[in-house]
Amino acid sequence: MQLTINGQIQDFNGPLNVVQLIEHMELQGKRFAIECNGEIVPRSMFAKQVLNDGDQLEVVVAVGGG
């Protein structure tokens, strides 16, 4: 399965949900937002949102600073 994440094509095995993607990207404990095919994925839907071959994702991680 191929997903485009922040403009880069990445290959994954089998079905994948957003929680599994977060684990793969090592984002646990960080502040971030995920958009799938132009729509924001609410945190309440992370476990239910199944990603499909060809999905376009944007992952934005919040960065603190001053």
Protein backbone atom coordinates (compact mmCIF):
# COMPACT_ATOMS: atom_id res chain seq x y z
CA MET A 1 0.00 0.00 0.00
CA GLN A 2 1.32 3.45 -0.89
CA LEU A 3 0.55 6.62 1.02
CA THR A 4 1.75 10.11 0.20
CA ILE A 5 2.81 11.77 3.45
CA ASN A 6 3.83 15.43 3.29
CA GLY A 7 4.50 15.03 -0.43
CA GLN A 8 6.62 11.86 -0.15
CA ILE A 9 5.40 8.43 -1.25
CA GLN A 10 5.86 5.74 1.40
CA ASP A 11 5.11 2.03 1.21
CA PHE A 12 3.30 0.12 3.97
CA ASN A 13 2.23 -3.50 4.40
CA GLY A 14 -1.46 -4.31 4.69
CA PRO A 15 -4.28 -2.22 6.10
CA LEU A 16 -3.29 0.64 8.37
CA ASN A 17 -5.22 3.02 10.60
CA VAL A 18 -4.12 6.45 11.82
CA VAL A 19 -3.03 5.11 15.24
CA GLN A 20 -0.67 2.66 13.53
CA LEU A 21 0.67 5.45 11.32
CA ILE A 22 1.33 7.59 14.40
CA GLU A 23 3.25 4.72 15.98
CA HIS A 24 5.23 4.18 12.77
CA MET A 25 6.12 7.90 12.65
CA GLU A 26 6.98 7.92 16.39
CA LEU A 27 4.61 10.81 17.13
CA GLN A 28 3.21 9.48 20.41
CA GLY A 29 3.17 12.22 23.05
CA LYS A 30 3.68 15.02 20.52
CA ARG A 31 1.22 17.68 19.44
CA PHE A 32 0.24 17.22 15.81
CA ALA A 33 -2.61 17.30 13.32
CA ILE A 34 -3.32 14.90 10.48
CA GLU A 35 -5.18 15.69 7.28
CA CYS A 36 -6.28 12.85 5.01
CA ASN A 37 -7.32 13.68 1.45
CA GLY A 38 -7.98 17.31 2.36
CA GLU A 39 -9.94 16.70 5.58
CA ILE A 40 -8.68 16.96 9.17
CA VAL A 41 -8.93 13.65 11.03
CA PRO A 42 -10.33 14.27 14.55
CA ARG A 43 -8.38 12.54 17.34
CA SER A 44 -11.55 10.66 18.27
CA MET A 45 -11.42 8.98 14.85
CA PHE A 46 -7.73 7.97 14.80
CA ALA A 47 -8.42 4.30 15.64
CA LYS A 48 -11.39 4.10 13.23
CA GLN A 49 -9.86 5.96 10.27
CA VAL A 50 -8.53 3.25 7.95
CA LEU A 51 -6.02 4.49 5.39
CA ASN A 52 -6.31 3.30 1.80
CA ASP A 53 -3.82 2.86 -1.00
CA GLY A 54 -3.20 6.23 -2.64
CA ASP A 55 -4.36 8.38 0.30
CA GLN A 56 -2.73 11.81 0.55
CA LEU A 57 -1.79 12.82 4.09
CA GLU A 58 -0.39 15.97 5.63
CA VAL A 59 1.09 15.62 9.10
CA VAL A 60 1.85 18.85 10.93
CA VAL A 61 3.79 18.70 14.19
CA ALA A 62 3.57 21.67 16.56
CA VAL A 63 6.94 23.18 17.46
CA GLY A 64 7.40 25.35 20.53
CA GLY A 65 9.63 28.35 20.49
CA GLY A 66 9.94 31.90 21.44
